[in-house]
Amino acid sequence: MNKYIKYLSLVFIGFSVTLGIMYVNSRGNTSNEINSKQMAVFIEEDGEYKVSKTIPTSGYEFNEERSFCNNGAKPSWNSLTNGLKISNLTKDKTSCMLYFDESVSKKVLKGLYLESEGKTNNFDGTACSDGCTYNENGVYEADDDFGDSYYFRGTVDNNWVKFGTDSNNQPIWWRIIRINGDGTIRLIYAGIGSSAPETKGEGTNALTNQGFNSDYSNSKYAGYQYENNNAHGFGKVKEQSNAYNKLMEWFQKNLADELDGGNGKIDESAGFCNDRSNSTSTSTSWSEDMPDEAGTGTNVTYYGAYLRLVNTNKQPTLKCGTKYYKNEDYFTYTGAKGIQSTANGIITGTQSLEYP
C-alpha cells in the first residue's frame, strides 16, 4: 500500500472542473509528456507495472478495468482518436491512476527476441533518386486494423522459420514479414528442403507463374473471389480466381494437417486482403473514408493500391481497404470467428474460403 501511495504522489496531472477532457495521443506526436500533477501513469514491462512520465503512443493498450479516478470520474480510451477520455469530471482536484498493458503484438515481438525501431518508415524518401535508404534495416511499426503491427524492413536475416512439410515430407521454409496487431505472425513462402531457405528466384515460388485470372475484360476479375456487377463481390455464385483455386489446392496438399480441427498453429480467422477500393480519377487522394466511384464492368478503374502510390505523398497502409468494405475485401475461412478491430468492431471477413 505504501508503494502504491508513493507512486500516486510521483506523477499527478491537474484537470479543470469540466464534464470531460480528451487527451489526444496520435502516433507521431512528439509531445505526450505529463507535466502536471493529478494523473499517475503506469506501463507494463515484463509483467510488472512501472511509473511512466508519458502516456505511451504505441505498443500498449489501455487497461480500462484496472484504471480508475476518484470523485466518480471514469477514464476510458477512444480508439478512433487514439486518445484518453475522462468522463463525469465534475469536481476539482480529481486524480486518476492509468494503466497501460503491453500490446499482444509487442509481447510476441519480445518473445521472438526482437526489438522495434520504434518508428514508421518515411515511404516518400525511399526511391533511388532520394538515396536508396535500404540500409535502414530492422523492425518498424505501423497500425493495422487490429492494433500495433511490426514489420521487417531492409536486408534483415533473422526472420526465417521452418513450418509444415510438403507431400514428400520435406520441411517448408518461410520468412516472417510482419507481426499482426492481434499478435499472429505473417509469413511468406521461402522454399522447400532441409538446408537453407531460398532468398530469391524461382525457388521462392510455391506455384508456377500464371495470371491471377485468365480473363481481364471486366474489373470483377481483380477479385480473389468475385461476382457480376459487384465491385466487392466474393463468390456468392462460386466464381473463383485462378489464384484462389491454385492456393486452395496447394494448402490442402501441404498445410491442411496443421489446422488440427482449429487447435493447430494456423489462425483460422486470418485473412487475405483483396483491397478493391477504387476511383475513376488518379487525382483522388486515398483514405479510409473514400467512397467507391467505379469498379464494375469495363469502367476505367484506379484501385486503392495505385492511388496510394501515384500521388506525391506515398500512403502505404497495413489496413484493409476503406472502412465501408472491411468484411467484403478481407477474405477469410468459412469457420472464421472474426478479430476485434481497433476502430471497426469485429471483422469476420468474407467467411468464404475453403481453407484459411
Protein backbone atom coordinates (compact mmCIF):
# COMPACT_ATOMS: atom_id res chain seq x y z
CA MET A 1 0.00 0.00 0.00
CA ASN A 2 2.81 2.46 0.82
CA LYS A 3 4.40 1.80 -2.56
CA TYR A 4 1.05 2.42 -4.20
CA ILE A 5 0.62 5.79 -2.43
CA LYS A 6 4.18 6.75 -3.26
CA TYR A 7 3.58 6.15 -6.97
CA LEU A 8 0.40 8.18 -6.83
CA SER A 9 2.29 11.14 -5.44
CA LEU A 10 5.04 10.97 -8.06
CA VAL A 11 3.21 11.93 -11.23
CA PHE A 12 -0.02 13.87 -10.89
CA ILE A 13 -1.76 15.82 -13.60
CA GLY A 14 -4.19 18.66 -12.96
CA PHE A 15 -7.63 18.78 -14.52
CA SER A 16 -10.03 21.72 -14.71
CA VAL A 17 -13.56 21.22 -13.47
CA THR A 18 -15.41 20.06 -16.58
CA LEU A 19 -17.69 17.29 -17.75
CA GLY A 20 -15.00 15.62 -19.82
CA ILE A 21 -11.48 16.01 -21.12
CA MET A 22 -9.82 14.41 -24.13
CA TYR A 23 -6.09 13.77 -24.25
CA VAL A 24 -5.33 13.11 -27.92
CA ASN A 25 -2.28 10.90 -28.32
CA SER A 26 -1.92 10.14 -32.03
CA ARG A 27 1.00 8.19 -33.43
CA GLY A 28 3.79 10.53 -34.45
CA ASN A 29 3.11 13.28 -31.91
CA THR A 30 6.32 14.33 -30.19
CA SER A 31 4.73 15.88 -27.11
CA ASN A 32 2.93 13.42 -24.87
CA GLU A 33 4.87 14.13 -21.68
CA ILE A 34 2.94 14.55 -18.46
CA ASN A 35 3.77 17.89 -16.86
CA SER A 36 1.18 18.49 -14.16
CA LYS A 37 0.25 16.64 -11.02
CA GLN A 38 -3.03 14.77 -10.84
CA MET A 39 -2.56 11.71 -13.04
CA ALA A 40 -0.36 8.68 -12.37
CA VAL A 41 0.58 6.59 -15.39
CA PHE A 42 1.82 3.01 -15.17
CA ILE A 43 3.05 0.91 -18.10
CA GLU A 44 3.55 -2.85 -18.10
CA GLU A 45 7.09 -4.11 -18.58
CA ASP A 46 7.72 -7.86 -18.38
CA GLY A 47 4.62 -8.48 -16.31
CA GLU A 48 5.13 -5.62 -13.83
CA TYR A 49 3.80 -2.06 -13.84
CA LYS A 50 6.30 0.79 -13.75
CA VAL A 51 5.74 4.53 -13.39
CA SER A 52 5.92 6.48 -16.64
CA LYS A 53 6.19 10.23 -17.24
CA THR A 54 4.43 9.87 -20.58
CA ILE A 55 1.31 8.28 -21.98
CA PRO A 56 2.62 5.66 -24.45
CA THR A 57 2.00 6.33 -28.15
CA SER A 58 2.30 2.73 -29.37
CA GLY A 59 2.99 -0.79 -28.19
CA TYR A 60 0.48 -0.55 -25.32
CA GLU A 61 -3.22 -1.00 -24.73
CA PHE A 62 -5.24 0.93 -22.17
CA ASN A 63 -6.35 -1.27 -19.27
CA GLU A 64 -9.77 0.18 -18.58
CA GLU A 65 -10.62 -2.41 -15.91
CA ARG A 66 -7.59 -1.58 -13.76
CA SER A 67 -7.56 2.21 -14.36
CA PHE A 68 -9.67 4.47 -12.14
CA CYS A 69 -10.25 8.04 -10.92
CA ASN A 70 -11.63 9.40 -7.66
CA ASN A 71 -14.68 11.69 -7.28
CA GLY A 72 -16.74 9.38 -9.52
CA ALA A 73 -14.85 10.24 -12.71
CA LYS A 74 -14.24 7.43 -15.20
CA PRO A 75 -11.29 7.02 -17.61
CA SER A 76 -11.71 5.35 -21.00
CA TRP A 77 -9.83 5.11 -24.29
CA ASN A 78 -11.14 6.38 -27.61
CA SER A 79 -9.71 4.05 -30.29
CA LEU A 80 -10.81 6.35 -33.12
CA THR A 81 -8.74 9.31 -31.91
CA ASN A 82 -6.18 7.20 -30.04
CA GLY A 83 -6.85 9.41 -27.04
CA LEU A 84 -7.80 9.29 -23.38
CA LYS A 85 -11.22 10.47 -22.24
CA ILE A 86 -12.20 11.29 -18.65
CA SER A 87 -15.99 11.38 -18.25
CA ASN A 88 -18.13 12.60 -15.34
CA LEU A 89 -15.38 15.00 -14.30
CA THR A 90 -17.38 17.30 -12.01
CA LYS A 91 -15.07 18.12 -9.10
CA ASP A 92 -11.76 19.92 -8.76
CA LYS A 93 -8.62 18.02 -7.67
CA THR A 94 -9.78 14.80 -9.29
CA SER A 95 -6.87 12.38 -9.66
CA CYS A 96 -6.56 9.28 -11.84
CA MET A 97 -4.49 6.10 -11.93
CA LEU A 98 -3.99 4.96 -15.54
CA TYR A 99 -2.62 1.56 -16.51
CA PHE A 100 -1.32 0.52 -19.92
CA ASP A 101 -0.60 -3.12 -20.78
CA GLU A 102 1.91 -4.22 -23.39
CA SER A 103 0.03 -4.98 -26.61
CA VAL A 104 -0.21 -8.61 -27.60
CA SER A 105 1.85 -7.92 -30.73
CA LYS A 106 4.63 -6.31 -28.68
CA LYS A 107 4.72 -9.36 -26.39
CA VAL A 108 5.11 -11.60 -29.44
CA LEU A 109 7.91 -9.34 -30.71
CA LYS A 110 9.76 -9.68 -27.41
CA GLY A 111 9.08 -13.42 -27.36
CA LEU A 112 10.99 -13.65 -30.64
CA TYR A 113 13.87 -11.71 -29.04
CA LEU A 114 13.33 -8.82 -31.43
CA GLU A 115 13.14 -5.09 -30.83
CA SER A 116 11.34 -2.43 -32.83
CA GLU A 117 12.99 0.66 -34.22
CA GLY A 118 10.05 2.47 -32.61
CA LYS A 119 9.10 4.34 -35.76
CA THR A 120 7.34 4.10 -39.09
CA ASN A 121 9.42 4.41 -42.21
CA ASN A 122 9.08 7.52 -44.38
CA PHE A 123 7.92 5.99 -47.65
CA ASP A 124 8.28 9.29 -49.54
CA GLY A 125 12.07 9.08 -49.32
CA THR A 126 12.93 5.53 -50.34
CA ALA A 127 13.37 5.95 -54.11
CA CYS A 128 16.88 5.65 -55.53
CA SER A 129 16.71 9.30 -56.58
CA ASP A 130 16.48 10.07 -52.86
CA GLY A 131 19.46 7.94 -51.93
CA CYS A 132 18.07 4.38 -51.72
CA THR A 133 17.94 4.21 -47.93
CA TYR A 134 17.94 0.42 -47.87
CA ASN A 135 20.49 0.41 -45.07
CA GLU A 136 17.69 1.24 -42.62
CA ASN A 137 17.23 -2.40 -41.65
CA GLY A 138 15.19 -3.67 -38.76
CA VAL A 139 11.69 -3.91 -37.35
CA TYR A 140 9.43 -0.91 -37.93
CA GLU A 141 5.88 -0.33 -36.78
CA ALA A 142 2.56 0.85 -38.18
CA ASP A 143 -1.12 0.46 -37.36
CA ASP A 144 -3.16 -2.28 -38.96
CA ASP A 145 -6.87 -2.95 -38.44
CA PHE A 146 -6.18 -4.83 -35.20
CA GLY A 147 -3.58 -2.77 -33.36
CA ASP A 148 0.17 -2.12 -33.47
CA SER A 149 1.84 -4.11 -36.21
CA TYR A 150 5.59 -4.69 -36.54
CA TYR A 151 7.13 -5.33 -39.95
CA PHE A 152 10.60 -6.20 -41.21
CA ARG A 153 12.35 -3.73 -43.48
CA GLY A 154 15.62 -3.91 -45.40
CA THR A 155 18.13 -6.75 -45.68
CA VAL A 156 17.32 -8.44 -42.38
CA ASP A 157 18.38 -12.06 -41.97
CA ASN A 158 16.99 -13.16 -38.61
CA ASN A 159 13.40 -13.93 -39.59
CA TRP A 160 13.45 -17.48 -41.03
CA VAL A 161 11.02 -20.19 -39.90
CA LYS A 162 10.52 -23.88 -40.70
CA PHE A 163 6.83 -24.75 -40.57
CA GLY A 164 4.98 -27.71 -42.02
CA THR A 165 6.09 -30.34 -44.54
CA ASP A 166 5.21 -30.89 -48.17
CA SER A 167 3.75 -34.07 -49.71
CA ASN A 168 7.28 -35.56 -49.83
CA ASN A 169 7.79 -34.87 -46.11
CA GLN A 170 10.29 -32.10 -46.81
CA PRO A 171 10.27 -29.11 -44.42
CA ILE A 172 8.77 -25.87 -45.72
CA TRP A 173 10.71 -22.65 -45.18
CA TRP A 174 9.03 -19.31 -44.50
CA ARG A 175 10.10 -15.79 -43.70
CA ILE A 176 8.42 -13.66 -41.05
CA ILE A 177 7.40 -10.43 -42.72
CA ARG A 178 5.18 -9.00 -40.04
CA ILE A 179 3.65 -9.41 -36.60
CA ASN A 180 -0.02 -8.51 -36.92
CA GLY A 181 -1.83 -6.25 -34.48
CA ASP A 182 -3.68 -9.23 -32.98
CA GLY A 183 -0.39 -10.98 -32.17
CA THR A 184 -0.42 -13.51 -35.02
CA ILE A 185 2.65 -13.86 -37.25
CA ARG A 186 2.51 -13.30 -41.01
CA LEU A 187 4.80 -15.49 -43.12
CA ILE A 188 5.83 -15.62 -46.78
CA TYR A 189 6.89 -18.82 -48.52
CA ALA A 190 10.66 -19.33 -48.94
CA GLY A 191 11.13 -22.77 -50.47
CA ILE A 192 11.28 -26.42 -49.51
CA GLY A 193 14.20 -28.52 -48.29
CA SER A 194 16.28 -29.46 -45.26
CA SER A 195 19.07 -26.98 -45.98
CA ALA A 196 18.93 -23.17 -46.10
CA PRO A 197 15.83 -21.28 -47.30
CA GLU A 198 15.60 -19.74 -50.75
CA THR A 199 16.21 -15.98 -50.79
CA LYS A 200 15.39 -15.17 -54.42
CA GLY A 201 14.45 -16.65 -57.78
CA GLU A 202 12.12 -19.47 -58.81
CA GLY A 203 12.68 -21.35 -55.54
CA THR A 204 10.65 -18.75 -53.68
CA ASN A 205 7.55 -19.57 -55.76
CA ALA A 206 5.21 -22.13 -54.24
CA LEU A 207 3.31 -22.23 -57.55
CA THR A 208 4.16 -21.79 -61.21
CA ASN A 209 3.89 -18.32 -62.71
CA GLN A 210 0.47 -17.58 -64.20
CA GLY A 211 -2.20 -14.93 -64.27
CA PHE A 212 -4.18 -14.09 -61.14
CA ASN A 213 -7.14 -14.56 -63.52
CA SER A 214 -7.12 -15.65 -67.16
CA ASP A 215 -9.84 -13.11 -68.03
CA TYR A 216 -9.35 -9.34 -67.88
CA SER A 217 -12.33 -7.87 -69.75
CA ASN A 218 -14.19 -6.94 -66.58
CA SER A 219 -12.98 -5.33 -63.37
CA LYS A 220 -14.62 -8.11 -61.35
CA TYR A 221 -11.61 -10.24 -62.28
CA ALA A 222 -9.49 -8.21 -59.88
CA GLY A 223 -11.22 -10.25 -57.18
CA TYR A 224 -9.79 -13.24 -55.32
CA GLN A 225 -13.39 -14.40 -55.46
CA TYR A 226 -15.93 -12.28 -57.34
CA GLU A 227 -19.42 -11.87 -58.77
CA ASN A 228 -21.05 -9.90 -61.57
CA ASN A 229 -21.79 -6.18 -61.12
CA ASN A 230 -20.30 -6.07 -57.63
CA ALA A 231 -17.01 -4.28 -57.10
CA HIS A 232 -16.58 -6.06 -53.76
CA GLY A 233 -18.20 -9.40 -54.55
CA PHE A 234 -16.86 -12.60 -53.04
CA GLY A 235 -18.12 -15.62 -54.89
CA LYS A 236 -21.73 -15.95 -53.85
CA VAL A 237 -22.16 -17.97 -57.03
CA LYS A 238 -18.75 -19.63 -56.58
CA GLU A 239 -16.77 -17.59 -59.07
CA GLN A 240 -13.15 -18.17 -58.12
CA SER A 241 -9.92 -16.69 -59.43
CA ASN A 242 -7.07 -18.85 -60.69
CA ALA A 243 -5.12 -17.69 -57.65
CA TYR A 244 -7.82 -18.95 -55.29
CA ASN A 245 -8.09 -22.41 -56.89
CA LYS A 246 -4.32 -22.97 -57.03
CA LEU A 247 -3.71 -21.80 -53.46
CA MET A 248 -6.53 -23.92 -52.02
CA GLU A 249 -5.10 -26.95 -53.82
CA TRP A 250 -1.58 -26.23 -52.50
CA PHE A 251 -2.86 -25.67 -48.96
CA GLN A 252 -4.77 -28.96 -48.99
CA LYS A 253 -1.64 -30.89 -50.01
CA ASN A 254 0.82 -29.17 -47.70
CA LEU A 255 -0.77 -27.46 -44.70
CA ALA A 256 -4.26 -28.87 -44.08
CA ASP A 257 -2.98 -31.14 -41.29
CA GLU A 258 -1.68 -28.07 -39.43
CA LEU A 259 -5.27 -26.91 -38.84
CA ASP A 260 -5.88 -29.78 -36.41
CA GLY A 261 -9.58 -29.07 -36.08
CA GLY A 262 -8.96 -25.49 -35.04
CA ASN A 263 -6.30 -26.41 -32.47
CA GLY A 264 -3.31 -26.07 -34.77
CA LYS A 265 -0.84 -23.26 -35.33
CA ILE A 266 -2.69 -21.65 -38.23
CA ASP A 267 -5.08 -18.86 -37.25
CA GLU A 268 -8.48 -19.73 -38.70
CA SER A 269 -9.62 -16.11 -38.55
CA ALA A 270 -6.62 -14.81 -40.50
CA GLY A 271 -7.50 -13.21 -43.82
CA PHE A 272 -6.14 -12.17 -47.18
CA CYS A 273 -6.85 -8.52 -48.01
CA ASN A 274 -8.01 -8.04 -51.60
CA ASP A 275 -8.32 -4.25 -51.37
CA ARG A 276 -10.76 -3.17 -54.08
CA SER A 277 -11.31 0.44 -53.01
CA ASN A 278 -11.36 2.45 -56.21
CA SER A 279 -11.86 5.73 -58.06
CA THR A 280 -12.39 6.97 -61.63
CA SER A 281 -9.66 9.59 -61.23
CA THR A 282 -5.96 9.49 -60.38
CA SER A 283 -6.34 12.83 -58.60
CA THR A 284 -8.33 11.15 -55.83
CA SER A 285 -6.47 11.01 -52.51
CA TRP A 286 -7.00 7.64 -50.91
CA SER A 287 -8.39 7.48 -47.39
CA GLU A 288 -10.36 5.02 -45.30
CA ASP A 289 -13.39 7.30 -45.77
CA MET A 290 -13.10 7.36 -49.58
CA PRO A 291 -16.30 6.25 -51.35
CA ASP A 292 -16.09 3.96 -54.37
CA GLU A 293 -16.64 5.60 -57.77
CA ALA A 294 -16.15 2.76 -60.25
CA GLY A 295 -15.13 -0.85 -60.14
CA THR A 296 -17.73 -2.73 -62.19
CA GLY A 297 -17.82 -3.81 -65.81
CA THR A 298 -15.34 -2.17 -68.16
CA ASN A 299 -15.28 1.25 -66.48
CA VAL A 300 -11.81 2.73 -66.08
CA THR A 301 -10.86 1.87 -62.51
CA TYR A 302 -7.98 3.11 -60.37
CA TYR A 303 -7.62 0.90 -57.33
CA GLY A 304 -6.57 1.93 -53.84
CA ALA A 305 -3.07 0.45 -54.06
CA TYR A 306 -2.40 2.58 -57.14
CA LEU A 307 -3.90 5.74 -55.65
CA ARG A 308 -1.77 5.39 -52.52
CA LEU A 309 1.41 5.40 -54.61
CA VAL A 310 0.70 7.64 -57.62
CA ASN A 311 0.29 10.84 -55.61
CA THR A 312 3.15 12.92 -54.22
CA ASN A 313 2.64 11.72 -50.65
CA LYS A 314 3.01 7.93 -50.57
CA GLN A 315 0.35 6.27 -48.43
CA PRO A 316 1.09 2.56 -47.99
CA THR A 317 -1.19 1.04 -45.39
CA LEU A 318 -1.48 -2.17 -43.41
CA LYS A 319 -5.23 -1.66 -43.10
CA CYS A 320 -7.61 -3.47 -45.42
CA GLY A 321 -9.30 -1.04 -47.79
CA THR A 322 -11.90 1.52 -46.79
CA LYS A 323 -14.00 1.20 -43.65
CA TYR A 324 -17.10 0.52 -45.78
CA TYR A 325 -15.84 -2.77 -47.20
CA LYS A 326 -13.71 -4.34 -44.48
CA ASN A 327 -15.68 -7.58 -44.47
CA GLU A 328 -16.13 -7.75 -48.25
CA ASP A 329 -12.43 -7.34 -49.11
CA TYR A 330 -10.92 -9.32 -46.23
CA PHE A 331 -11.09 -12.93 -47.43
CA THR A 332 -11.42 -15.45 -44.61
CA TYR A 333 -12.13 -19.12 -43.97
CA THR A 334 -15.73 -20.34 -43.67
CA GLY A 335 -15.12 -21.03 -39.98
CA ALA A 336 -13.57 -17.64 -39.18
CA LYS A 337 -14.88 -16.21 -35.90
CA GLY A 338 -13.53 -12.76 -36.59
CA ILE A 339 -10.96 -10.47 -35.00
CA GLN A 340 -11.58 -7.37 -32.88
CA SER A 341 -10.63 -4.27 -34.83
CA THR A 342 -9.37 -1.16 -33.07
CA ALA A 343 -11.95 1.02 -34.83
CA ASN A 344 -14.38 -1.21 -36.77
CA GLY A 345 -15.73 -3.75 -34.29
CA ILE A 346 -15.37 -7.44 -35.10
CA ILE A 347 -14.07 -8.08 -38.63
CA THR A 348 -15.21 -11.53 -39.74
CA GLY A 349 -14.29 -11.06 -43.39
CA THR A 350 -15.99 -12.95 -46.21
CA GLN A 351 -16.09 -16.35 -44.45
CA SER A 352 -15.94 -17.85 -47.93
CA LEU A 353 -12.62 -19.71 -48.25
CA GLU A 354 -12.23 -23.47 -48.24
CA TYR A 355 -9.05 -23.07 -46.15
CA PRO A 356 -7.71 -20.09 -44.19
